[in-house]
Structures are given as C-alpha cells and as structure tokens.
Amino acid sequence: MFELNRRQVLGGAAGIAVTGLTSRRARADMRSLIVTEPGHSADSLPFYVGIRKGFYKEAGLDVQLVTSEGGGKAMAAVQSGNADAYIGGPEHIAFANVKGGKPVRAVIGLSNRANSFLVARTGVAIDPAKSFAENIKGKKIAVGTRGGTGYSILLYLLKRDGLDPRSDVVLLEIATNAGTVAAVKNGEADLAMVSEPAIAQGVKTGIWQEPFASMPKELGPFAWTTVNLPKALIESDPDLVRAIVAASKKSLDLVFNDEAEMRAIAAEEFPTLPKDDLDAILTRARANDMWEQDGAMPEEAWAKTLSIITISGMIAQDVAYADVFDPTFL
C-alpha cells in the first residue's frame, strides 16, 4: 500500500510516542477532537508543536491524538466515525472517493515535499555533472515494495526521463530499512532510496555516500501531509475548521521562526531517538523545505501526487483537486 513506506522517518525509532493526550478527558468548555495519524513522524511535527504549545487548546480544542498503522487505517477511523480528523497523505481522500466512501477534504497543509533521497554505495561513482537519468541508468536500486511511496516515485522519475524500469535499471524491492542497508553493504545494490535517520547512519558507517538526488528537489511541491476532515463536519461546523487552521498556522510559524523551540519540542516528541539522528532528520527537513510555512495546498502539488499514484497503479482515474482539498479556510 502507498502508506506503508511514506512515514518511515521516525515511526520505527520512536514507536507511537504520542503526547499522552489520548487518555485525557476533554474539559467541559472545550471541543474534543479525536485525530488519527498513520505514524508518529517529523512530517507532522507542526501539529505536535500545536499540541505541546497549547495552540489548539487556546482555540478551544481538546486534541486527542491516536497513532494507527498506515494511512489506510487512519482514514478508516474517520470514515467509521471513530475519529474526527486525520493527519496524513491526502491521496487517501482520493482512494475513498473512488470507492464511494464519505467525502473528506484536506483543509491545511503541514508538509509539502516527498521525504525520500537516493544514495550511492561507497565506491559507486556518481558524476554531479551528469543528469539524474545518466547517474541511475544501469544501476541496481534498492527501493521499497511495489505500491510504496519510494517505488512509485522512482517509477514516475524513470518515465519522466524516458528510462525503462525493466531494462535500464534493476529495481530491488525491499520492505525494511534493515534489508536496504544489508543489500547496499553486501554489494547487491548500487543505489538506495532512503530517508533520515538512515541517511546519516549509513554515511557515518561508510555504507553509502551523501545523497546525490533529493526527491524534494526532483519533484518540487508534493501533497505529502495535510489535516483532513469529513466534508459533512466542515459544512456543519465551519468555526471548528477555522480554529484548527488558525492553530495549525500558529504552529507552522513557530516551526519556521523559532528553531531552538522547534528542536526542543521534537526531542520531547521522540525521546527514544538518539540526538544525532533527530538532528539529522530536522536539518534535512529544513534544508529541503519539508514543511509548508503558510499551510498552502497548491494545485500543482496534487497534480504531482496524482501522477505518481496513477503510475504506481494505486488509482486508475482522475480525481479533481476540488474533490480532495478545501482551501477556503486558509
């Protein structure tokens, strides 16, 4: 499934590591808001900032955050009425639309770049003067399983550059980070699609080099993580949506304008992650414009995401921007 690989940034290292709000009763004067997420990840750090700093509480919202396993389950909780909203990939809104599910809309963006990078095994020559296609042609590439984000993105880029995935490269489908590391270390793969903290760990141990290709740079705006609510709830309680969007914008402002506080909150959210690994994740996220400062959800970002999930076979029909996103509260 598309969601299995899109949120590996921190989930494995930090477990669910939620803030403990799932067991807290809402105060009588506050609106309880149950929010699901497919994995506890740096992609959604602005949302965690809003909880920790009390921005949602100031807006009258008692947020109860529940971490599930994969975007499909996060969306299913919203579809069943067990959750009011989910934070995660808006592609699941499109999947639900196609299957005839309850209409859901993304109301604000949290992160807007695909969090994946290509690295080359130590000793494999990469020429920065050559194009992306020239550097990967003929290589064995360790990538996630078919239908996962990394695999889908790679198929998109191969098609973009006129390469045949069956003859111009060898795609090694590997489900786990440990398997990817082993494949590169043993020489079975020349390249690998990875994210932090695996990048820093691999460089530190000499398994691979610094990334030579950044998916945020290759793809540009990409609909990665949004705050998503049922359309019926948006229409029946627009003040609730305004409160969520306003608090989320305040959180995004802090992420961009107070780096020290942002890093301190991240350390609280992911207490089991080594400091060096967390620093690497946050530094690369900032360097690659991972978060969406004004919460915008550009139409071009959805067009890119839709192209990738179509190429991957996850969806077979066009889904209009207006059927996935509601930017009116921004």
C-alpha atoms as a PDB file:
ATOM      1  CA  MET A   1       0.000   0.000   0.000  1.00  0.00           C
ATOM      2  CA  PHE A   2       1.074   3.572  -0.629  1.00  0.00           C
ATOM      3  CA  GLU A   3       1.023   4.424   3.076  1.00  0.00           C
ATOM      4  CA  LEU A   4       3.337   1.671   4.300  1.00  0.00           C
ATOM      5  CA  ASN A   5       6.533   3.454   3.306  1.00  0.00           C
ATOM      6  CA  ARG A   6       5.596   7.119   3.280  1.00  0.00           C
ATOM      7  CA  ARG A   7       6.083   7.653   7.017  1.00  0.00           C
ATOM      8  CA  GLN A   8       9.230   5.808   7.989  1.00  0.00           C
ATOM      9  CA  VAL A   9      11.009   8.979   9.078  1.00  0.00           C
ATOM     10  CA  LEU A  10      10.627   8.399  12.797  1.00  0.00           C
ATOM     11  CA  GLY A  11       7.949   5.806  13.335  1.00  0.00           C
ATOM     12  CA  GLY A  12      10.261   2.818  13.766  1.00  0.00           C
ATOM     13  CA  ALA A  13      12.668   4.557  16.107  1.00  0.00           C
ATOM     14  CA  ALA A  14      10.181   6.340  18.296  1.00  0.00           C
ATOM     15  CA  GLY A  15       7.266   3.936  18.365  1.00  0.00           C
ATOM     16  CA  ILE A  16       3.968   5.694  18.874  1.00  0.00           C
ATOM     17  CA  ALA A  17       5.497   8.198  21.342  1.00  0.00           C
ATOM     18  CA  VAL A  18       2.342  10.280  21.478  1.00  0.00           C
ATOM     19  CA  THR A  19       1.838  13.053  23.966  1.00  0.00           C
ATOM     20  CA  GLY A  20      -0.466  11.198  26.338  1.00  0.00           C
ATOM     21  CA  LEU A  21      -3.471  13.244  25.312  1.00  0.00           C
ATOM     22  CA  THR A  22      -5.362  10.156  24.160  1.00  0.00           C
ATOM     23  CA  SER A  23      -6.375   9.343  27.725  1.00  0.00           C
ATOM     24  CA  ARG A  24      -7.204  12.870  28.895  1.00  0.00           C
ATOM     25  CA  ARG A  25     -10.853  13.836  29.245  1.00  0.00           C
ATOM     26  CA  ALA A  26     -11.960  16.959  27.440  1.00  0.00           C
ATOM     27  CA  ARG A  27     -12.835  19.911  29.634  1.00  0.00           C
ATOM     28  CA  ALA A  28     -16.500  20.847  29.612  1.00  0.00           C
ATOM     29  CA  ASP A  29     -15.854  24.157  27.845  1.00  0.00           C
ATOM     30  CA  MET A  30     -13.726  22.643  25.073  1.00  0.00           C
ATOM     31  CA  ARG A  31     -14.498  20.753  21.880  1.00  0.00           C
ATOM     32  CA  SER A  32     -12.999  17.252  21.914  1.00  0.00           C
ATOM     33  CA  LEU A  33     -11.209  16.459  18.650  1.00  0.00           C
ATOM     34  CA  ILE A  34     -10.008  12.911  18.012  1.00  0.00           C
ATOM     35  CA  VAL A  35      -7.262  12.897  15.383  1.00  0.00           C
ATOM     36  CA  THR A  36      -5.603   9.814  13.903  1.00  0.00           C
ATOM     37  CA  GLU A  37      -2.217   9.608  12.200  1.00  0.00           C
ATOM     38  CA  PRO A  38      -0.552   6.775  10.235  1.00  0.00           C
ATOM     39  CA  GLY A  39       2.729   7.052  12.125  1.00  0.00           C
ATOM     40  CA  HIS A  40       4.431   9.449  14.509  1.00  0.00           C
ATOM     41  CA  SER A  41       6.683  11.331  12.124  1.00  0.00           C
ATOM     42  CA  ALA A  42       8.625  14.546  11.577  1.00  0.00           C
ATOM     43  CA  ASP A  43       6.313  15.234   8.630  1.00  0.00           C
ATOM     44  CA  SER A  44       3.624  16.148  11.162  1.00  0.00           C
ATOM     45  CA  LEU A  45       5.858  17.966  13.642  1.00  0.00           C
ATOM     46  CA  PRO A  46       3.946  21.257  13.279  1.00  0.00           C
ATOM     47  CA  PHE A  47       0.806  19.512  14.554  1.00  0.00           C
ATOM     48  CA  TYR A  48       2.660  18.172  17.597  1.00  0.00           C
ATOM     49  CA  VAL A  49       4.022  21.666  18.219  1.00  0.00           C
ATOM     50  CA  GLY A  50       0.465  22.978  18.341  1.00  0.00           C
ATOM     51  CA  ILE A  51      -0.482  20.378  20.952  1.00  0.00           C
ATOM     52  CA  ARG A  52       2.608  20.875  23.121  1.00  0.00           C
ATOM     53  CA  LYS A  53       2.413  24.685  22.988  1.00  0.00           C
ATOM     54  CA  GLY A  54      -1.320  24.721  23.693  1.00  0.00           C
ATOM     55  CA  PHE A  55      -2.269  26.436  20.425  1.00  0.00           C
ATOM     56  CA  TYR A  56      -5.186  24.067  19.805  1.00  0.00           C
ATOM     57  CA  LYS A  57      -6.289  24.363  23.415  1.00  0.00           C
ATOM     58  CA  GLU A  58      -6.263  28.174  23.058  1.00  0.00           C
ATOM     59  CA  ALA A  59      -8.558  27.714  20.066  1.00  0.00           C
ATOM     60  CA  GLY A  60     -10.980  25.717  22.219  1.00  0.00           C
ATOM     61  CA  LEU A  61      -9.908  22.265  21.031  1.00  0.00           C
ATOM     62  CA  ASP A  62      -9.043  19.302  23.225  1.00  0.00           C
ATOM     63  CA  VAL A  63      -6.974  17.251  20.769  1.00  0.00           C
ATOM     64  CA  GLN A  64      -6.677  13.529  21.363  1.00  0.00           C
ATOM     65  CA  LEU A  65      -4.020  12.118  19.051  1.00  0.00           C
ATOM     66  CA  VAL A  66      -4.094   8.420  18.170  1.00  0.00           C
ATOM     67  CA  THR A  67      -1.338   6.744  16.135  1.00  0.00           C
ATOM     68  CA  SER A  68      -2.502   3.923  13.899  1.00  0.00           C
ATOM     69  CA  GLU A  69      -0.599   1.730  11.441  1.00  0.00           C
ATOM     70  CA  GLY A  70      -0.716   3.219   7.967  1.00  0.00           C
ATOM     71  CA  GLY A  71      -2.742   5.925   6.271  1.00  0.00           C
ATOM     72  CA  GLY A  72      -5.490   3.494   5.313  1.00  0.00           C
ATOM     73  CA  LYS A  73      -6.323   2.798   8.959  1.00  0.00           C
ATOM     74  CA  ALA A  74      -6.154   6.490   9.860  1.00  0.00           C
ATOM     75  CA  MET A  75      -8.670   7.259   7.107  1.00  0.00           C
ATOM     76  CA  ALA A  76     -10.818   4.255   8.064  1.00  0.00           C
ATOM     77  CA  ALA A  77     -11.234   5.702  11.573  1.00  0.00           C
ATOM     78  CA  VAL A  78     -12.601   8.913  10.045  1.00  0.00           C
ATOM     79  CA  GLN A  79     -14.844   7.000   7.648  1.00  0.00           C
ATOM     80  CA  SER A  80     -16.318   4.956  10.514  1.00  0.00           C
ATOM     81  CA  GLY A  81     -16.874   7.979  12.733  1.00  0.00           C
ATOM     82  CA  ASN A  82     -14.328   6.828  15.333  1.00  0.00           C
ATOM     83  CA  ALA A  83     -12.179   9.893  14.633  1.00  0.00           C
ATOM     84  CA  ASP A  84     -12.981  13.488  13.709  1.00  0.00           C
ATOM     85  CA  ALA A  85      -9.928  14.004  11.508  1.00  0.00           C
ATOM     86  CA  TYR A  86      -6.647  12.501  10.365  1.00  0.00           C
ATOM     87  CA  ILE A  87      -3.260  13.963   9.562  1.00  0.00           C
ATOM     88  CA  GLY A  88      -1.537  12.224   6.683  1.00  0.00           C
ATOM     89  CA  GLY A  89      -1.490  11.834   2.938  1.00  0.00           C
ATOM     90  CA  PRO A  90      -4.428  13.373   1.040  1.00  0.00           C
ATOM     91  CA  GLU A  91      -4.172  10.569  -1.524  1.00  0.00           C
ATOM     92  CA  HIS A  92      -6.334   8.512   0.848  1.00  0.00           C
ATOM     93  CA  ILE A  93      -9.129  11.011   0.251  1.00  0.00           C
ATOM     94  CA  ALA A  94      -8.901  10.203  -3.458  1.00  0.00           C
ATOM     95  CA  PHE A  95      -8.901   6.459  -2.729  1.00  0.00           C
ATOM     96  CA  ALA A  96     -12.037   6.861  -0.605  1.00  0.00           C
ATOM     97  CA  ASN A  97     -13.729   8.953  -3.307  1.00  0.00           C
ATOM     98  CA  VAL A  98     -13.133   6.255  -5.909  1.00  0.00           C
ATOM     99  CA  LYS A  99     -14.505   3.576  -3.574  1.00  0.00           C
ATOM    100  CA  GLY A 100     -17.611   5.598  -2.751  1.00  0.00           C
ATOM    101  CA  GLY A 101     -16.613   6.490   0.809  1.00  0.00           C
ATOM    102  CA  LYS A 102     -17.714   9.507   2.813  1.00  0.00           C
ATOM    103  CA  PRO A 103     -16.334  12.754   1.330  1.00  0.00           C
ATOM    104  CA  VAL A 104     -13.290  14.089   3.197  1.00  0.00           C
ATOM    105  CA  ARG A 105     -11.315  17.254   2.483  1.00  0.00           C
ATOM    106  CA  ALA A 106      -7.825  18.498   3.339  1.00  0.00           C
ATOM    107  CA  VAL A 107      -8.053  21.935   4.955  1.00  0.00           C
ATOM    108  CA  ILE A 108      -4.393  22.878   5.584  1.00  0.00           C
ATOM    109  CA  GLY A 109      -1.008  21.537   4.541  1.00  0.00           C
ATOM    110  CA  LEU A 110       1.699  20.547   7.034  1.00  0.00           C
ATOM    111  CA  SER A 111       4.436  19.172   4.769  1.00  0.00           C
ATOM    112  CA  ASN A 112       4.718  19.590   1.031  1.00  0.00           C
ATOM    113  CA  ARG A 113       7.714  17.581  -0.154  1.00  0.00           C
ATOM    114  CA  ALA A 114       8.336  13.867  -0.739  1.00  0.00           C
ATOM    115  CA  ASN A 115      10.677  12.803   2.046  1.00  0.00           C
ATOM    116  CA  SER A 116      12.959  10.421   0.109  1.00  0.00           C
ATOM    117  CA  PHE A 117      16.537  10.599  -1.175  1.00  0.00           C
ATOM    118  CA  LEU A 118      18.791   8.481  -3.383  1.00  0.00           C
ATOM    119  CA  VAL A 119      22.207   7.481  -2.060  1.00  0.00           C
ATOM    120  CA  ALA A 120      25.009   5.556  -3.767  1.00  0.00           C
ATOM    121  CA  ARG A 121      27.056   2.800  -2.167  1.00  0.00           C
ATOM    122  CA  THR A 122      30.526   3.890  -1.109  1.00  0.00           C
ATOM    123  CA  GLY A 123      32.761   3.355  -4.124  1.00  0.00           C
ATOM    124  CA  VAL A 124      30.000   3.710  -6.725  1.00  0.00           C
ATOM    125  CA  ALA A 125      30.842   6.662  -8.953  1.00  0.00           C
ATOM    126  CA  ILE A 126      28.271   9.446  -9.226  1.00  0.00           C
ATOM    127  CA  ASP A 127      29.057  12.359 -11.548  1.00  0.00           C
ATOM    128  CA  PRO A 128      27.385  15.600 -10.386  1.00  0.00           C
ATOM    129  CA  ALA A 129      27.850  16.967 -13.909  1.00  0.00           C
ATOM    130  CA  LYS A 130      25.592  14.248 -15.303  1.00  0.00           C
ATOM    131  CA  SER A 131      21.807  14.148 -15.262  1.00  0.00           C
ATOM    132  CA  PHE A 132      19.682  12.129 -12.867  1.00  0.00           C
ATOM    133  CA  ALA A 133      18.948   9.605 -15.636  1.00  0.00           C
ATOM    134  CA  GLU A 134      22.619   9.199 -16.557  1.00  0.00           C
ATOM    135  CA  ASN A 135      23.598   8.546 -12.944  1.00  0.00           C
ATOM    136  CA  ILE A 136      20.987   5.858 -12.328  1.00  0.00           C
ATOM    137  CA  LYS A 137      20.977   4.059 -15.695  1.00  0.00           C
ATOM    138  CA  GLY A 138      22.334   0.535 -15.416  1.00  0.00           C
ATOM    139  CA  LYS A 139      22.288   0.604 -11.626  1.00  0.00           C
ATOM    140  CA  LYS A 140      20.726  -1.820  -9.153  1.00  0.00           C
ATOM    141  CA  ILE A 141      18.449   0.230  -6.905  1.00  0.00           C
ATOM    142  CA  ALA A 142      17.141  -0.852  -3.502  1.00  0.00           C
ATOM    143  CA  VAL A 143      13.685   0.625  -3.132  1.00  0.00           C
ATOM    144  CA  GLY A 144      10.532  -0.078  -1.145  1.00  0.00           C
ATOM    145  CA  THR A 145       7.980  -2.633  -2.236  1.00  0.00           C
ATOM    146  CA  ARG A 146       5.679  -2.123  -5.210  1.00  0.00           C
ATOM    147  CA  GLY A 147       2.963   0.400  -4.395  1.00  0.00           C
ATOM    148  CA  GLY A 148       5.052   2.103  -1.705  1.00  0.00           C
ATOM    149  CA  THR A 149       5.985   5.761  -1.986  1.00  0.00           C
ATOM    150  CA  GLY A 150       9.649   5.226  -2.877  1.00  0.00           C
ATOM    151  CA  TYR A 151       8.818   2.670  -5.569  1.00  0.00           C
ATOM    152  CA  SER A 152       6.053   4.845  -7.017  1.00  0.00           C
ATOM    153  CA  ILE A 153       8.247   7.938  -7.118  1.00  0.00           C
ATOM    154  CA  LEU A 154      11.034   6.030  -8.829  1.00  0.00           C
ATOM    155  CA  LEU A 155       8.617   4.727 -11.494  1.00  0.00           C
ATOM    156  CA  TYR A 156       7.463   8.308 -12.073  1.00  0.00           C
ATOM    157  CA  LEU A 157      11.032   9.597 -12.472  1.00  0.00           C
ATOM    158  CA  LEU A 158      12.005   6.756 -14.797  1.00  0.00           C
ATOM    159  CA  LYS A 159       9.024   7.544 -17.022  1.00  0.00           C
ATOM    160  CA  ARG A 160       9.810  11.259 -16.852  1.00  0.00           C
ATOM    161  CA  ASP A 161      13.355  10.654 -18.079  1.00  0.00           C
ATOM    162  CA  GLY A 162      12.475   8.056 -20.697  1.00  0.00           C
ATOM    163  CA  LEU A 163      14.003   5.068 -18.903  1.00  0.00           C
ATOM    164  CA  ASP A 164      12.540   1.564 -18.928  1.00  0.00           C
ATOM    165  CA  PRO A 165      12.209   0.131 -15.383  1.00  0.00           C
ATOM    166  CA  ARG A 166      12.621  -3.393 -16.789  1.00  0.00           C
ATOM    167  CA  SER A 167      15.763  -2.882 -18.887  1.00  0.00           C
ATOM    168  CA  ASP A 168      17.513   0.372 -17.934  1.00  0.00           C
ATOM    169  CA  VAL A 169      17.699  -0.297 -14.179  1.00  0.00           C
ATOM    170  CA  VAL A 170      17.230  -3.187 -11.752  1.00  0.00           C
ATOM    171  CA  LEU A 171      14.679  -2.456  -9.020  1.00  0.00           C
ATOM    172  CA  LEU A 172      15.222  -4.466  -5.832  1.00  0.00           C
ATOM    173  CA  GLU A 173      12.015  -4.439  -3.785  1.00  0.00           C
ATOM    174  CA  ILE A 174      12.999  -4.430  -0.112  1.00  0.00           C
ATOM    175  CA  ALA A 175      10.398  -3.908   2.606  1.00  0.00           C
ATOM    176  CA  THR A 176      12.584  -2.812   5.540  1.00  0.00           C
ATOM    177  CA  ASN A 177      15.319  -0.285   6.259  1.00  0.00           C
ATOM    178  CA  ALA A 178      17.476  -3.093   7.656  1.00  0.00           C
ATOM    179  CA  GLY A 179      17.103  -5.013   4.412  1.00  0.00           C
ATOM    180  CA  THR A 180      18.069  -1.960   2.382  1.00  0.00           C
ATOM    181  CA  VAL A 181      21.184  -1.404   4.477  1.00  0.00           C
ATOM    182  CA  ALA A 182      22.178  -5.059   4.091  1.00  0.00           C
ATOM    183  CA  ALA A 183      21.659  -5.005   0.308  1.00  0.00           C
ATOM    184  CA  VAL A 184      23.886  -1.960  -0.133  1.00  0.00           C
ATOM    185  CA  LYS A 185      26.502  -3.139   2.364  1.00  0.00           C
ATOM    186  CA  ASN A 186      26.770  -6.533   0.649  1.00  0.00           C
ATOM    187  CA  GLY A 187      27.067  -5.010  -2.803  1.00  0.00           C
ATOM    188  CA  GLU A 188      23.708  -6.334  -4.005  1.00  0.00           C
ATOM    189  CA  ALA A 189      22.515  -2.770  -4.636  1.00  0.00           C
ATOM    190  CA  ASP A 190      24.383   0.202  -6.077  1.00  0.00           C
ATOM    191  CA  LEU A 191      21.829   2.791  -5.002  1.00  0.00           C
ATOM    192  CA  ALA A 192      19.092   3.042  -2.392  1.00  0.00           C
ATOM    193  CA  MET A 193      16.031   5.185  -1.780  1.00  0.00           C
ATOM    194  CA  VAL A 194      16.195   6.198   1.894  1.00  0.00           C
ATOM    195  CA  SER A 195      15.362   8.957   4.367  1.00  0.00           C
ATOM    196  CA  GLU A 196      16.766  10.215   7.659  1.00  0.00           C
ATOM    197  CA  PRO A 197      17.961   8.953  10.101  1.00  0.00           C
ATOM    198  CA  ALA A 198      19.090   6.098   7.829  1.00  0.00           C
ATOM    199  CA  ILE A 199      21.000   8.536   5.609  1.00  0.00           C
ATOM    200  CA  ALA A 200      23.177   9.883   8.413  1.00  0.00           C
ATOM    201  CA  GLN A 201      23.673   6.424   9.910  1.00  0.00           C
ATOM    202  CA  GLY A 202      24.769   4.962   6.568  1.00  0.00           C
ATOM    203  CA  VAL A 203      27.180   7.807   5.859  1.00  0.00           C
ATOM    204  CA  LYS A 204      28.620   7.563   9.369  1.00  0.00           C
ATOM    205  CA  THR A 205      29.326   3.839   8.992  1.00  0.00           C
ATOM    206  CA  GLY A 206      30.672   4.177   5.449  1.00  0.00           C
ATOM    207  CA  ILE A 207      27.929   2.140   3.767  1.00  0.00           C
ATOM    208  CA  TRP A 208      26.867   4.892   1.386  1.00  0.00           C
ATOM    209  CA  GLN A 209      27.651   8.446   0.379  1.00  0.00           C
ATOM    210  CA  GLU A 210      25.682  11.625   0.958  1.00  0.00           C
ATOM    211  CA  PRO A 211      22.510  11.737  -1.199  1.00  0.00           C
ATOM    212  CA  PHE A 212      23.092  12.614  -4.846  1.00  0.00           C
ATOM    213  CA  ALA A 213      19.389  13.065  -5.606  1.00  0.00           C
ATOM    214  CA  SER A 214      16.753  14.729  -3.430  1.00  0.00           C
ATOM    215  CA  MET A 215      13.132  13.859  -4.147  1.00  0.00           C
ATOM    216  CA  PRO A 216      12.035  17.235  -2.715  1.00  0.00           C
ATOM    217  CA  LYS A 217      14.249  18.857  -5.349  1.00  0.00           C
ATOM    218  CA  GLU A 218      13.397  16.412  -8.174  1.00  0.00           C
ATOM    219  CA  LEU A 219       9.641  16.571  -7.637  1.00  0.00           C
ATOM    220  CA  GLY A 220       9.058  20.019  -6.177  1.00  0.00           C
ATOM    221  CA  PRO A 221       5.708  20.653  -4.444  1.00  0.00           C
ATOM    222  CA  PHE A 222       4.094  17.376  -3.433  1.00  0.00           C
ATOM    223  CA  ALA A 223       0.912  16.818  -1.410  1.00  0.00           C
ATOM    224  CA  TRP A 224       2.535  14.873   1.439  1.00  0.00           C
ATOM    225  CA  THR A 225       0.833  15.626   4.772  1.00  0.00           C
ATOM    226  CA  THR A 226      -2.400  17.547   5.340  1.00  0.00           C
ATOM    227  CA  VAL A 227      -5.048  17.935   8.057  1.00  0.00           C
ATOM    228  CA  ASN A 228      -8.174  16.189   6.782  1.00  0.00           C
ATOM    229  CA  LEU A 229     -11.797  16.328   7.970  1.00  0.00           C
ATOM    230  CA  PRO A 230     -15.135  14.913   6.765  1.00  0.00           C
ATOM    231  CA  LYS A 231     -16.871  17.274   4.359  1.00  0.00           C
ATOM    232  CA  ALA A 232     -20.066  16.993   6.405  1.00  0.00           C
ATOM    233  CA  LEU A 233     -18.230  18.226   9.519  1.00  0.00           C
ATOM    234  CA  ILE A 234     -16.677  21.113   7.582  1.00  0.00           C
ATOM    235  CA  GLU A 235     -20.111  22.209   6.369  1.00  0.00           C
ATOM    236  CA  SER A 236     -21.861  21.763   9.730  1.00  0.00           C
ATOM    237  CA  ASP A 237     -19.170  23.355  11.900  1.00  0.00           C
ATOM    238  CA  PRO A 238     -17.062  25.856   9.935  1.00  0.00           C
ATOM    239  CA  ASP A 239     -15.949  27.534  13.178  1.00  0.00           C
ATOM    240  CA  LEU A 240     -14.261  24.282  14.170  1.00  0.00           C
ATOM    241  CA  VAL A 241     -12.334  24.244  10.898  1.00  0.00           C
ATOM    242  CA  ARG A 242     -11.312  27.877  11.339  1.00  0.00           C
ATOM    243  CA  ALA A 243      -9.982  27.044  14.811  1.00  0.00           C
ATOM    244  CA  ILE A 244      -7.976  24.069  13.510  1.00  0.00           C
ATOM    245  CA  VAL A 245      -6.497  26.055  10.637  1.00  0.00           C
ATOM    246  CA  ALA A 246      -5.649  29.078  12.818  1.00  0.00           C
ATOM    247  CA  ALA A 247      -3.916  26.919  15.449  1.00  0.00           C
ATOM    248  CA  SER A 248      -2.043  24.968  12.758  1.00  0.00           C
ATOM    249  CA  LYS A 249      -0.814  28.201  11.162  1.00  0.00           C
ATOM    250  CA  LYS A 250       0.439  29.361  14.543  1.00  0.00           C
ATOM    251  CA  SER A 251       2.302  26.063  14.898  1.00  0.00           C
ATOM    252  CA  LEU A 252       3.848  26.408  11.440  1.00  0.00           C
ATOM    253  CA  ASP A 253       5.002  29.917  12.312  1.00  0.00           C
ATOM    254  CA  LEU A 254       6.853  28.581  15.358  1.00  0.00           C
ATOM    255  CA  VAL A 255       8.499  25.782  13.333  1.00  0.00           C
ATOM    256  CA  PHE A 256       9.890  28.345  10.887  1.00  0.00           C
ATOM    257  CA  ASN A 257      10.667  31.207  13.245  1.00  0.00           C
ATOM    258  CA  ASP A 258      11.937  29.553  16.438  1.00  0.00           C
ATOM    259  CA  GLU A 259      14.285  26.723  15.509  1.00  0.00           C
ATOM    260  CA  ALA A 260      15.528  26.184  19.060  1.00  0.00           C
ATOM    261  CA  GLU A 261      11.983  25.710  20.378  1.00  0.00           C
ATOM    262  CA  MET A 262      11.094  23.505  17.408  1.00  0.00           C
ATOM    263  CA  ARG A 263      14.046  21.212  18.121  1.00  0.00           C
ATOM    264  CA  ALA A 264      13.277  21.126  21.833  1.00  0.00           C
ATOM    265  CA  ILE A 265       9.680  20.054  21.143  1.00  0.00           C
ATOM    266  CA  ALA A 266      10.870  17.433  18.645  1.00  0.00           C
ATOM    267  CA  ALA A 267      13.150  15.981  21.328  1.00  0.00           C
ATOM    268  CA  GLU A 268      10.136  15.674  23.662  1.00  0.00           C
ATOM    269  CA  GLU A 269       8.036  14.035  20.945  1.00  0.00           C
ATOM    270  CA  PHE A 270      10.699  11.463  20.067  1.00  0.00           C
ATOM    271  CA  PRO A 271      12.531  10.781  23.352  1.00  0.00           C
ATOM    272  CA  THR A 272      13.940   7.391  22.311  1.00  0.00           C
ATOM    273  CA  LEU A 273      15.623   8.698  19.169  1.00  0.00           C
ATOM    274  CA  PRO A 274      19.384   9.461  19.524  1.00  0.00           C
ATOM    275  CA  LYS A 275      20.074  13.188  19.399  1.00  0.00           C
ATOM    276  CA  ASP A 276      22.363  12.878  16.353  1.00  0.00           C
ATOM    277  CA  ASP A 277      19.652  11.062  14.409  1.00  0.00           C
ATOM    278  CA  LEU A 278      16.976  13.580  15.347  1.00  0.00           C
ATOM    279  CA  ASP A 279      19.270  16.485  14.439  1.00  0.00           C
ATOM    280  CA  ALA A 280      19.898  14.897  11.037  1.00  0.00           C
ATOM    281  CA  ILE A 281      16.159  14.496  10.403  1.00  0.00           C
ATOM    282  CA  LEU A 282      15.310  18.075  11.336  1.00  0.00           C
ATOM    283  CA  THR A 283      18.267  19.595   9.493  1.00  0.00           C
ATOM    284  CA  ARG A 284      17.471  17.768   6.262  1.00  0.00           C
ATOM    285  CA  ALA A 285      13.767  18.612   6.605  1.00  0.00           C
ATOM    286  CA  ARG A 286      14.527  22.326   6.854  1.00  0.00           C
ATOM    287  CA  ALA A 287      17.112  22.219   4.072  1.00  0.00           C
ATOM    288  CA  ASN A 288      14.601  20.598   1.721  1.00  0.00           C
ATOM    289  CA  ASP A 289      11.576  22.797   2.543  1.00  0.00           C
ATOM    290  CA  MET A 290       9.700  19.845   4.017  1.00  0.00           C
ATOM    291  CA  TRP A 291       7.117  21.888   5.918  1.00  0.00           C
ATOM    292  CA  GLU A 292       4.592  24.274   4.366  1.00  0.00           C
ATOM    293  CA  GLN A 293       5.056  27.623   6.103  1.00  0.00           C
ATOM    294  CA  ASP A 294       1.700  29.168   5.207  1.00  0.00           C
ATOM    295  CA  GLY A 295      -0.261  25.918   5.142  1.00  0.00           C
ATOM    296  CA  ALA A 296      -0.955  26.252   1.422  1.00  0.00           C
ATOM    297  CA  MET A 297      -2.078  23.273  -0.656  1.00  0.00           C
ATOM    298  CA  PRO A 298      -1.038  24.125  -4.242  1.00  0.00           C
ATOM    299  CA  GLU A 299      -2.888  22.525  -7.122  1.00  0.00           C
ATOM    300  CA  GLU A 300       0.443  21.634  -8.719  1.00  0.00           C
ATOM    301  CA  ALA A 301       1.336  19.595  -5.625  1.00  0.00           C
ATOM    302  CA  TRP A 302      -1.796  17.486  -6.032  1.00  0.00           C
ATOM    303  CA  ALA A 303      -1.174  17.089  -9.774  1.00  0.00           C
ATOM    304  CA  LYS A 304       2.267  15.639  -8.991  1.00  0.00           C
ATOM    305  CA  THR A 305       0.943  13.291  -6.315  1.00  0.00           C
ATOM    306  CA  LEU A 306      -1.907  12.142  -8.549  1.00  0.00           C
ATOM    307  CA  SER A 307       0.525  11.391 -11.385  1.00  0.00           C
ATOM    308  CA  ILE A 308       2.664   9.256  -9.086  1.00  0.00           C
ATOM    309  CA  ILE A 309      -0.154   7.219  -7.573  1.00  0.00           C
ATOM    310  CA  THR A 310      -1.602   6.723 -11.054  1.00  0.00           C
ATOM    311  CA  ILE A 311       1.704   5.440 -12.435  1.00  0.00           C
ATOM    312  CA  SER A 312       2.034   3.136  -9.430  1.00  0.00           C
ATOM    313  CA  GLY A 313      -1.373   1.624 -10.189  1.00  0.00           C
ATOM    314  CA  MET A 314      -2.937   2.771  -6.922  1.00  0.00           C
ATOM    315  CA  ILE A 315      -5.650   4.698  -8.748  1.00  0.00           C
ATOM    316  CA  ALA A 316      -6.947   4.467 -12.291  1.00  0.00           C
ATOM    317  CA  GLN A 317      -8.980   7.639 -12.710  1.00  0.00           C
ATOM    318  CA  ASP A 318      -8.593  11.362 -12.367  1.00  0.00           C
ATOM    319  CA  VAL A 319      -9.657  12.929  -9.073  1.00  0.00           C
ATOM    320  CA  ALA A 320     -10.145  16.679  -9.214  1.00  0.00           C
ATOM    321  CA  TYR A 321      -8.369  18.999  -6.806  1.00  0.00           C
ATOM    322  CA  ALA A 322     -11.727  20.294  -5.513  1.00  0.00           C
ATOM    323  CA  ASP A 323     -12.731  16.749  -4.567  1.00  0.00           C
ATOM    324  CA  VAL A 324      -9.728  16.409  -2.249  1.00  0.00           C
ATOM    325  CA  PHE A 325      -8.897  19.900  -0.960  1.00  0.00           C
ATOM    326  CA  ASP A 326     -10.843  22.763   0.618  1.00  0.00           C
ATOM    327  CA  PRO A 327      -8.507  25.783   0.840  1.00  0.00           C
ATOM    328  CA  THR A 328     -11.241  28.289   1.690  1.00  0.00           C
ATOM    329  CA  PHE A 329     -10.259  28.465   5.382  1.00  0.00           C
ATOM    330  CA  LEU A 330      -6.641  29.419   4.642  1.00  0.00           C
END
